[in-house]
C-alpha atoms as a PDB file:
ATOM      1  CA  MET A   1       0.000   0.000   0.000  1.00  0.00           C
ATOM      2  CA  ASN A   2       2.844   2.344   0.898  1.00  0.00           C
ATOM      3  CA  GLN A   3       4.491   1.641  -2.457  1.00  0.00           C
ATOM      4  CA  PHE A   4       1.250   2.475  -4.236  1.00  0.00           C
ATOM      5  CA  VAL A   5       0.858   5.763  -2.311  1.00  0.00           C
ATOM      6  CA  ASN A   6       4.443   6.798  -3.001  1.00  0.00           C
ATOM      7  CA  GLN A   7       3.732   6.694  -6.738  1.00  0.00           C
ATOM      8  CA  PHE A   8       1.936  10.014  -6.356  1.00  0.00           C
ATOM      9  CA  PRO A   9       4.165  13.079  -6.688  1.00  0.00           C
ATOM     10  CA  ARG A  10       5.221  14.716  -3.404  1.00  0.00           C
ATOM     11  CA  ASP A  11       3.826  18.062  -4.548  1.00  0.00           C
ATOM     12  CA  HIS A  12       0.437  16.477  -5.118  1.00  0.00           C
ATOM     13  CA  ARG A  13       0.378  14.948  -1.633  1.00  0.00           C
ATOM     14  CA  ARG A  14       1.468  18.235  -0.120  1.00  0.00           C
ATOM     15  CA  SER A  15      -1.327  20.113  -1.890  1.00  0.00           C
ATOM     16  CA  ILE A  16      -3.840  17.571  -0.563  1.00  0.00           C
ATOM     17  CA  PHE A  17      -2.486  18.059   2.974  1.00  0.00           C
ATOM     18  CA  ILE A  18      -2.596  21.853   2.725  1.00  0.00           C
ATOM     19  CA  GLU A  19      -6.150  21.829   1.406  1.00  0.00           C
ATOM     20  CA  ALA A  20      -7.337  19.385   4.091  1.00  0.00           C
ATOM     21  CA  LEU A  21      -5.791  21.415   6.898  1.00  0.00           C
ATOM     22  CA  ARG A  22      -7.103  24.691   5.445  1.00  0.00           C
ATOM     23  CA  VAL A  23     -10.642  23.270   5.379  1.00  0.00           C
ATOM     24  CA  THR A  24     -10.295  22.004   8.971  1.00  0.00           C
ATOM     25  CA  LEU A  25      -9.050  25.325  10.326  1.00  0.00           C
ATOM     26  CA  ARG A  26     -11.616  27.274   8.336  1.00  0.00           C
ATOM     27  CA  TRP A  27     -14.376  25.106   9.809  1.00  0.00           C
ATOM     28  CA  MET A  28     -13.109  25.758  13.357  1.00  0.00           C
ATOM     29  CA  VAL A  29     -12.943  29.521  12.881  1.00  0.00           C
ATOM     30  CA  VAL A  30     -16.237  29.785  10.971  1.00  0.00           C
ATOM     31  CA  SER A  31     -18.064  27.684  13.583  1.00  0.00           C
ATOM     32  CA  ALA A  32     -16.892  29.969  16.366  1.00  0.00           C
ATOM     33  CA  VAL A  33     -17.813  33.131  14.447  1.00  0.00           C
ATOM     34  CA  ARG A  34     -21.255  31.792  13.539  1.00  0.00           C
ATOM     35  CA  SER A  35     -21.925  30.899  17.154  1.00  0.00           C
ATOM     36  CA  VAL A  36     -21.197  34.456  18.244  1.00  0.00           C
ATOM     37  CA  GLU A  37     -23.253  35.917  15.368  1.00  0.00           C
ATOM     38  CA  THR A  38     -26.202  33.707  16.277  1.00  0.00           C
ATOM     39  CA  GLY A  39     -26.065  34.947  19.842  1.00  0.00           C
ATOM     40  CA  ILE A  40     -26.041  38.574  18.691  1.00  0.00           C
ATOM     41  CA  LYS A  41     -29.012  38.015  16.346  1.00  0.00           C
ATOM     42  CA  ASN A  42     -31.034  36.284  19.057  1.00  0.00           C
ATOM     43  CA  ALA A  43     -30.284  39.076  21.512  1.00  0.00           C
ATOM     44  CA  ARG A  44     -31.323  41.765  19.019  1.00  0.00           C
ATOM     45  CA  ARG A  45     -34.572  39.972  18.162  1.00  0.00           C
ATOM     46  CA  TRP A  46     -35.376  39.552  21.821  1.00  0.00           C
ATOM     47  CA  TYR A  47     -34.645  43.229  22.461  1.00  0.00           C
ATOM     48  CA  ALA A  48     -36.886  44.297  19.570  1.00  0.00           C
ATOM     49  CA  GLU A  49     -39.765  42.127  20.781  1.00  0.00           C
ATOM     50  CA  LYS A  50     -39.585  43.552  24.284  1.00  0.00           C
ATOM     51  CA  GLN A  51     -39.438  47.112  22.971  1.00  0.00           C
ATOM     52  CA  ALA A  52     -42.523  46.499  20.828  1.00  0.00           C
ATOM     53  CA  ALA A  53     -44.383  45.058  23.810  1.00  0.00           C
ATOM     54  CA  ASP A  54     -43.510  48.076  25.981  1.00  0.00           C
ATOM     55  CA  PRO A  55     -42.622  51.178  23.913  1.00  0.00           C
ATOM     56  CA  ARG A  56     -42.084  53.183  27.109  1.00  0.00           C
ATOM     57  CA  GLY A  57     -38.947  51.187  27.818  1.00  0.00           C
ATOM     58  CA  ALA A  58     -39.998  50.126  31.344  1.00  0.00           C
ATOM     59  CA  TYR A  59     -38.016  46.923  30.979  1.00  0.00           C
ATOM     60  CA  TYR A  60     -34.943  48.479  29.411  1.00  0.00           C
ATOM     61  CA  SER A  61     -32.640  47.563  32.273  1.00  0.00           C
ATOM     62  CA  PHE A  62     -33.965  44.006  32.382  1.00  0.00           C
ATOM     63  CA  ILE A  63     -33.593  43.599  28.627  1.00  0.00           C
ATOM     64  CA  SER A  64     -30.053  44.922  28.713  1.00  0.00           C
ATOM     65  CA  PHE A  65     -29.218  42.428  31.403  1.00  0.00           C
ATOM     66  CA  MET A  66     -30.746  39.543  29.447  1.00  0.00           C
ATOM     67  CA  ARG A  67     -29.000  40.649  26.279  1.00  0.00           C
ATOM     68  CA  ALA A  68     -25.657  40.567  28.046  1.00  0.00           C
ATOM     69  CA  SER A  69     -26.529  37.146  29.453  1.00  0.00           C
ATOM     70  CA  VAL A  70     -27.348  35.726  26.017  1.00  0.00           C
ATOM     71  CA  LEU A  71     -24.174  37.126  24.511  1.00  0.00           C
ATOM     72  CA  GLY A  72     -22.173  35.778  27.410  1.00  0.00           C
ATOM     73  CA  LEU A  73     -23.704  32.332  26.943  1.00  0.00           C
ATOM     74  CA  ARG A  74     -22.879  32.307  23.229  1.00  0.00           C
ATOM     75  CA  LYS A  75     -19.332  33.462  23.888  1.00  0.00           C
ATOM     76  CA  ALA A  76     -18.937  30.737  26.478  1.00  0.00           C
ATOM     77  CA  GLN A  77     -20.145  28.115  23.984  1.00  0.00           C
ATOM     78  CA  ALA A  78     -17.763  29.361  21.306  1.00  0.00           C
ATOM     79  CA  ALA A  79     -14.909  29.427  23.803  1.00  0.00           C
ATOM     80  CA  LYS A  80     -15.697  25.892  24.911  1.00  0.00           C
ATOM     81  CA  TRP A  81     -15.580  24.467  21.377  1.00  0.00           C
ATOM     82  CA  ILE A  82     -12.444  26.401  20.442  1.00  0.00           C
ATOM     83  CA  SER A  83     -10.768  25.197  23.618  1.00  0.00           C
ATOM     84  CA  ILE A  84     -11.689  21.591  22.802  1.00  0.00           C
ATOM     85  CA  ALA A  85     -10.483  21.896  19.203  1.00  0.00           C
ATOM     86  CA  GLY A  86      -7.246  23.490  20.401  1.00  0.00           C
ATOM     87  CA  HIS A  87      -6.563  20.957  23.136  1.00  0.00           C
ATOM     88  CA  PRO A  88      -2.991  19.586  22.920  1.00  0.00           C
ATOM     89  CA  PHE A  89      -4.408  16.054  22.630  1.00  0.00           C
ATOM     90  CA  VAL A  90      -6.607  17.077  19.669  1.00  0.00           C
ATOM     91  CA  PHE A  91      -5.089  19.875  17.567  1.00  0.00           C
ATOM     92  CA  SER A  92      -1.460  18.713  17.608  1.00  0.00           C
ATOM     93  CA  PRO A  93      -2.160  15.051  16.628  1.00  0.00           C
ATOM     94  CA  ILE A  94      -4.438  16.103  13.771  1.00  0.00           C
ATOM     95  CA  VAL A  95      -1.825  18.457  12.352  1.00  0.00           C
ATOM     96  CA  ALA A  96       0.900  15.829  12.851  1.00  0.00           C
ATOM     97  CA  LEU A  97      -1.169  13.280  10.938  1.00  0.00           C
ATOM     98  CA  LEU A  98      -1.802  15.608   8.004  1.00  0.00           C
ATOM     99  CA  ALA A  99       1.794  16.834   7.930  1.00  0.00           C
ATOM    100  CA  GLY A 100       3.115  13.287   8.071  1.00  0.00           C
ATOM    101  CA  ALA A 101       0.839  12.240   5.211  1.00  0.00           C
ATOM    102  CA  SER A 102       2.220  15.112   3.145  1.00  0.00           C
ATOM    103  CA  LEU A 103       5.873  14.396   3.921  1.00  0.00           C
ATOM    104  CA  PHE A 104       6.067  10.603   4.207  1.00  0.00           C
ATOM    105  CA  GLY A 105       2.756   9.115   3.073  1.00  0.00           C
ATOM    106  CA  PRO A 106      -0.376   7.968   4.927  1.00  0.00           C
ATOM    107  CA  VAL A 107       1.094   4.700   6.219  1.00  0.00           C
ATOM    108  CA  GLU A 108       4.056   6.317   7.987  1.00  0.00           C
ATOM    109  CA  SER A 109       1.890   9.141   9.331  1.00  0.00           C
ATOM    110  CA  ILE A 110      -0.686   6.735  10.775  1.00  0.00           C
ATOM    111  CA  LEU A 111       2.015   4.564  12.364  1.00  0.00           C
ATOM    112  CA  GLY A 112       3.682   7.626  13.871  1.00  0.00           C
ATOM    113  CA  LEU A 113       0.421   8.966  15.243  1.00  0.00           C
ATOM    114  CA  LEU A 114      -0.573   5.570  16.666  1.00  0.00           C
ATOM    115  CA  THR A 115       2.790   5.350  18.419  1.00  0.00           C
ATOM    116  CA  VAL A 116       2.290   8.778  19.999  1.00  0.00           C
ATOM    117  CA  ILE A 117      -1.284   7.953  21.015  1.00  0.00           C
ATOM    118  CA  LEU A 118      -0.520   4.541  22.523  1.00  0.00           C
ATOM    119  CA  CYS A 119       2.723   5.549  24.257  1.00  0.00           C
ATOM    120  CA  CYS A 120       1.800   9.059  25.429  1.00  0.00           C
ATOM    121  CA  LEU A 121      -1.651  10.514  24.830  1.00  0.00           C
ATOM    122  CA  LEU A 122      -3.746   7.522  25.901  1.00  0.00           C
ATOM    123  CA  PRO A 123      -1.868   6.670  29.114  1.00  0.00           C
ATOM    124  CA  ALA A 124      -1.613  10.362  30.044  1.00  0.00           C
ATOM    125  CA  SER A 125      -5.367  10.792  29.498  1.00  0.00           C
ATOM    126  CA  LEU A 126      -6.175   7.741  31.618  1.00  0.00           C
ATOM    127  CA  TYR A 127      -3.862   8.971  34.365  1.00  0.00           C
ATOM    128  CA  ILE A 128      -5.510  12.418  34.439  1.00  0.00           C
ATOM    129  CA  LEU A 129      -8.974  10.838  34.433  1.00  0.00           C
ATOM    130  CA  ARG A 130      -8.060   8.612  37.367  1.00  0.00           C
ATOM    131  CA  LYS A 131      -6.710  11.544  39.364  1.00  0.00           C
ATOM    132  CA  VAL A 132      -9.932  13.478  38.789  1.00  0.00           C
ATOM    133  CA  ARG A 133     -12.142  10.529  39.703  1.00  0.00           C
ATOM    134  CA  ILE A 134     -10.407   9.883  43.010  1.00  0.00           C
ATOM    135  CA  GLY A 135     -10.613  13.603  43.809  1.00  0.00           C
ATOM    136  CA  GLU A 136      -6.913  14.461  43.838  1.00  0.00           C
ATOM    137  CA  TRP A 137      -7.259  16.825  40.855  1.00  0.00           C
ATOM    138  CA  SER A 138     -10.149  19.237  40.436  1.00  0.00           C
ATOM    139  CA  ASP A 139     -10.779  18.861  36.692  1.00  0.00           C
ATOM    140  CA  LEU A 140      -9.432  17.390  33.450  1.00  0.00           C
ATOM    141  CA  ASP A 141      -7.591  20.640  32.666  1.00  0.00           C
ATOM    142  CA  VAL A 142      -5.711  20.336  35.983  1.00  0.00           C
ATOM    143  CA  SER A 143      -6.500  23.975  36.694  1.00  0.00           C
ATOM    144  CA  ALA A 144      -4.986  24.055  40.186  1.00  0.00           C
ATOM    145  CA  ARG A 145      -1.455  25.398  39.946  1.00  0.00           C
ATOM    146  CA  LYS A 146      -0.241  23.186  42.781  1.00  0.00           C
ATOM    147  CA  ASP A 147      -1.146  20.055  40.784  1.00  0.00           C
ATOM    148  CA  ARG A 148       0.559  21.064  37.561  1.00  0.00           C
ATOM    149  CA  PRO A 149       4.147  20.031  38.468  1.00  0.00           C
ATOM    150  CA  HIS A 150       2.857  16.481  38.905  1.00  0.00           C
ATOM    151  CA  LEU A 151       1.137  16.711  35.504  1.00  0.00           C
ATOM    152  CA  PHE A 152       4.300  18.062  33.880  1.00  0.00           C
ATOM    153  CA  LEU A 153       6.343  15.202  35.327  1.00  0.00           C
ATOM    154  CA  ILE A 154       3.941  12.573  34.003  1.00  0.00           C
ATOM    155  CA  GLY A 155       3.748  14.223  30.590  1.00  0.00           C
ATOM    156  CA  PHE A 156       7.527  14.476  30.351  1.00  0.00           C
ATOM    157  CA  ALA A 157       7.943  10.799  31.277  1.00  0.00           C
ATOM    158  CA  PHE A 158       5.418   9.581  28.693  1.00  0.00           C
ATOM    159  CA  LEU A 159       6.959  11.776  25.991  1.00  0.00           C
ATOM    160  CA  LEU A 160      10.430  10.452  26.791  1.00  0.00           C
ATOM    161  CA  PHE A 161       9.146   6.894  26.508  1.00  0.00           C
ATOM    162  CA  THR A 162       7.525   7.777  23.171  1.00  0.00           C
ATOM    163  CA  VAL A 163      10.798   9.179  21.832  1.00  0.00           C
ATOM    164  CA  LEU A 164      12.561   5.926  22.748  1.00  0.00           C
ATOM    165  CA  VAL A 165       9.899   3.827  21.011  1.00  0.00           C
ATOM    166  CA  LEU A 166      10.007   6.008  17.889  1.00  0.00           C
ATOM    167  CA  THR A 167      13.785   5.744  17.772  1.00  0.00           C
ATOM    168  CA  VAL A 168      13.930   1.979  18.321  1.00  0.00           C
ATOM    169  CA  THR A 169      11.265   1.311  15.678  1.00  0.00           C
ATOM    170  CA  GLY A 170      13.093   3.498  13.142  1.00  0.00           C
ATOM    171  CA  GLN A 171      10.222   5.858  12.429  1.00  0.00           C
ATOM    172  CA  PRO A 172      10.820   9.278  10.792  1.00  0.00           C
ATOM    173  CA  ILE A 173      12.938  11.515  13.002  1.00  0.00           C
ATOM    174  CA  VAL A 174      10.446  14.372  12.707  1.00  0.00           C
ATOM    175  CA  TYR A 175       8.097  12.606  15.148  1.00  0.00           C
ATOM    176  CA  ALA A 176      10.832  12.276  17.745  1.00  0.00           C
ATOM    177  CA  ARG A 177      11.734  15.946  17.230  1.00  0.00           C
ATOM    178  CA  GLY A 178       8.121  16.888  17.766  1.00  0.00           C
ATOM    179  CA  CYS A 179       8.048  14.966  21.046  1.00  0.00           C
ATOM    180  CA  LEU A 180      11.329  16.604  22.050  1.00  0.00           C
ATOM    181  CA  ALA A 181       9.816  20.037  21.366  1.00  0.00           C
ATOM    182  CA  ALA A 182       6.816  19.095  23.520  1.00  0.00           C
ATOM    183  CA  MET A 183       9.171  18.000  26.310  1.00  0.00           C
ATOM    184  CA  ILE A 184      10.999  21.338  26.241  1.00  0.00           C
ATOM    185  CA  LEU A 185       7.684  23.207  26.243  1.00  0.00           C
ATOM    186  CA  ILE A 186       6.625  21.225  29.310  1.00  0.00           C
ATOM    187  CA  VAL A 187       9.916  21.982  31.059  1.00  0.00           C
ATOM    188  CA  GLY A 188       9.416  25.690  30.314  1.00  0.00           C
ATOM    189  CA  GLY A 189       5.886  25.614  31.696  1.00  0.00           C
ATOM    190  CA  TRP A 190       7.113  23.670  34.714  1.00  0.00           C
ATOM    191  CA  PHE A 191       9.770  26.269  35.470  1.00  0.00           C
ATOM    192  CA  LEU A 192       7.422  29.256  35.010  1.00  0.00           C
ATOM    193  CA  ASN A 193       4.766  27.613  37.154  1.00  0.00           C
ATOM    194  CA  ARG A 194       6.598  29.008  40.191  1.00  0.00           C
ATOM    195  CA  TRP A 195       5.295  32.498  39.433  1.00  0.00           C
ATOM    196  CA  LEU A 196       2.213  32.030  37.225  1.00  0.00           C
ATOM    197  CA  LYS A 197       0.194  29.369  35.426  1.00  0.00           C
ATOM    198  CA  PRO A 198       1.223  29.516  31.739  1.00  0.00           C
ATOM    199  CA  SER A 199      -1.439  28.292  29.319  1.00  0.00           C
ATOM    200  CA  MET A 200      -0.259  24.998  27.845  1.00  0.00           C
ATOM    201  CA  HIS A 201      -3.297  24.962  25.535  1.00  0.00           C
ATOM    202  CA  ALA A 202      -2.039  28.180  23.937  1.00  0.00           C
ATOM    203  CA  GLY A 203       1.585  27.039  24.055  1.00  0.00           C
ATOM    204  CA  PHE A 204       1.006  23.732  22.274  1.00  0.00           C
ATOM    205  CA  ALA A 205      -1.347  25.342  19.751  1.00  0.00           C
ATOM    206  CA  MET A 206       1.250  27.972  18.862  1.00  0.00           C
ATOM    207  CA  LEU A 207       4.051  25.395  18.741  1.00  0.00           C
ATOM    208  CA  THR A 208       1.989  23.281  16.345  1.00  0.00           C
ATOM    209  CA  ALA A 209       1.035  26.288  14.231  1.00  0.00           C
ATOM    210  CA  CYS A 210       4.604  27.544  13.883  1.00  0.00           C
ATOM    211  CA  SER A 211       5.818  24.078  12.893  1.00  0.00           C
ATOM    212  CA  LEU A 212       3.728  24.393   9.713  1.00  0.00           C
ATOM    213  CA  TRP A 213       5.802  27.313   8.446  1.00  0.00           C
ATOM    214  CA  PRO A 214       8.200  25.220   6.299  1.00  0.00           C
ATOM    215  CA  LEU A 215       5.230  23.578   4.574  1.00  0.00           C
ATOM    216  CA  SER A 216       3.088  26.645   3.959  1.00  0.00           C
ATOM    217  CA  ALA A 217       3.540  30.139   5.380  1.00  0.00           C
ATOM    218  CA  PRO A 218      -0.103  31.229   4.742  1.00  0.00           C
ATOM    219  CA  LEU A 219      -1.389  28.063   6.380  1.00  0.00           C
ATOM    220  CA  ALA A 220       0.913  28.621   9.340  1.00  0.00           C
ATOM    221  CA  LEU A 221      -0.438  32.157   9.753  1.00  0.00           C
ATOM    222  CA  VAL A 222      -4.009  30.850   9.802  1.00  0.00           C
ATOM    223  CA  ALA A 223      -3.030  28.240  12.385  1.00  0.00           C
ATOM    224  CA  MET A 224      -1.289  30.913  14.467  1.00  0.00           C
ATOM    225  CA  PHE A 225      -4.486  32.972  14.401  1.00  0.00           C
ATOM    226  CA  PHE A 226      -6.317  29.887  15.646  1.00  0.00           C
ATOM    227  CA  ALA A 227      -3.720  29.512  18.433  1.00  0.00           C
ATOM    228  CA  VAL A 228      -4.507  33.073  19.543  1.00  0.00           C
ATOM    229  CA  ALA A 229      -8.206  32.160  19.466  1.00  0.00           C
ATOM    230  CA  VAL A 230      -7.414  29.201  21.710  1.00  0.00           C
ATOM    231  CA  GLY A 231      -5.749  31.624  24.103  1.00  0.00           C
ATOM    232  CA  TRP A 232      -8.868  33.806  24.062  1.00  0.00           C
ATOM    233  CA  SER A 233     -11.021  30.781  24.842  1.00  0.00           C
ATOM    234  CA  ARG A 234      -8.914  29.967  27.898  1.00  0.00           C
ATOM    235  CA  VAL A 235      -9.391  33.502  29.212  1.00  0.00           C
ATOM    236  CA  GLU A 236     -13.112  33.436  28.416  1.00  0.00           C
ATOM    237  CA  LEU A 237     -13.502  30.151  30.300  1.00  0.00           C
ATOM    238  CA  ARG A 238     -11.648  31.684  33.271  1.00  0.00           C
ATOM    239  CA  ARG A 239      -8.879  29.093  33.128  1.00  0.00           C
ATOM    240  CA  HIS A 240      -6.121  31.675  32.600  1.00  0.00           C
ATOM    241  CA  THR A 241      -5.401  35.387  32.514  1.00  0.00           C
ATOM    242  CA  TRP A 242      -4.185  37.196  29.396  1.00  0.00           C
ATOM    243  CA  LEU A 243      -0.701  37.299  30.886  1.00  0.00           C
ATOM    244  CA  GLU A 244      -0.676  33.523  31.304  1.00  0.00           C
ATOM    245  CA  VAL A 245      -1.976  33.062  27.765  1.00  0.00           C
ATOM    246  CA  GLY A 246       0.625  35.460  26.371  1.00  0.00           C
ATOM    247  CA  VAL A 247       3.405  33.596  28.171  1.00  0.00           C
ATOM    248  CA  GLY A 248       2.151  30.319  26.723  1.00  0.00           C
ATOM    249  CA  LEU A 249       2.024  31.699  23.170  1.00  0.00           C
ATOM    250  CA  VAL A 250       5.533  33.154  23.395  1.00  0.00           C
ATOM    251  CA  LEU A 251       6.838  29.920  24.891  1.00  0.00           C
ATOM    252  CA  GLY A 252       5.402  27.954  21.971  1.00  0.00           C
ATOM    253  CA  ILE A 253       7.076  30.267  19.444  1.00  0.00           C
ATOM    254  CA  LEU A 254      10.460  30.072  21.196  1.00  0.00           C
ATOM    255  CA  VAL A 255      10.414  26.281  21.452  1.00  0.00           C
ATOM    256  CA  CYS A 256       9.467  25.896  17.797  1.00  0.00           C
ATOM    257  CA  ARG A 257      12.272  28.246  16.798  1.00  0.00           C
ATOM    258  CA  LEU A 258      14.742  26.326  18.938  1.00  0.00           C
ATOM    259  CA  ILE A 259      13.843  22.754  17.946  1.00  0.00           C
ATOM    260  CA  LEU A 260      11.885  22.763  14.707  1.00  0.00           C
ATOM    261  CA  GLY A 261      13.077  25.989  13.086  1.00  0.00           C
END
């Protein structure tokens, strides 16, 4: 199968990858924008109906309050979906799969992704879920700053194991470099956790976005815009402050420049 896939020109596979990723990112951004627009339209219609029912404006304060509530609800929904789409266990693997298919073919990309999932993402997810269920961690995002060093240690250990498996099995070096970049990002977040809680959602999203630059600069810019949107979602959901998001974004750029650039 791999021999059959490799018969296609590399440029053709790369164009397929770029188009697939562009459609995915466009869907994420458009979905968020439409959610906000729908909230605004519903609020305006509600406001108009109340004004028609009481032209004297006796309920103006109440309507204003409800309008703000509706907009806040829609923003929260958009932030929730953007945060999910930009989760390090979602956005980064999808981009890695598409990039690997463009560079090496679908077979190598699927094998690389399966290795990362089985050796790192799956066990890390199960470990976090167990900690939440027994009550040691408050939520799946591990929002408490005191718990994050433990999370960083576990993530670093699973990533190190994944690098060893990728190396022993002779898979493309780019996957091991990606895991190494993630390890350095974790170490940076671990160190900065003494003073603030850097957003790892934003950091991993920006690291992933910047790694696309050698393949397509316009696509990388779109992905970087999405990384900023992920940062906004973390602030909107009250998981981080703008300072913590900014630190995460800058950390992602620096790590990408150091390892992948």
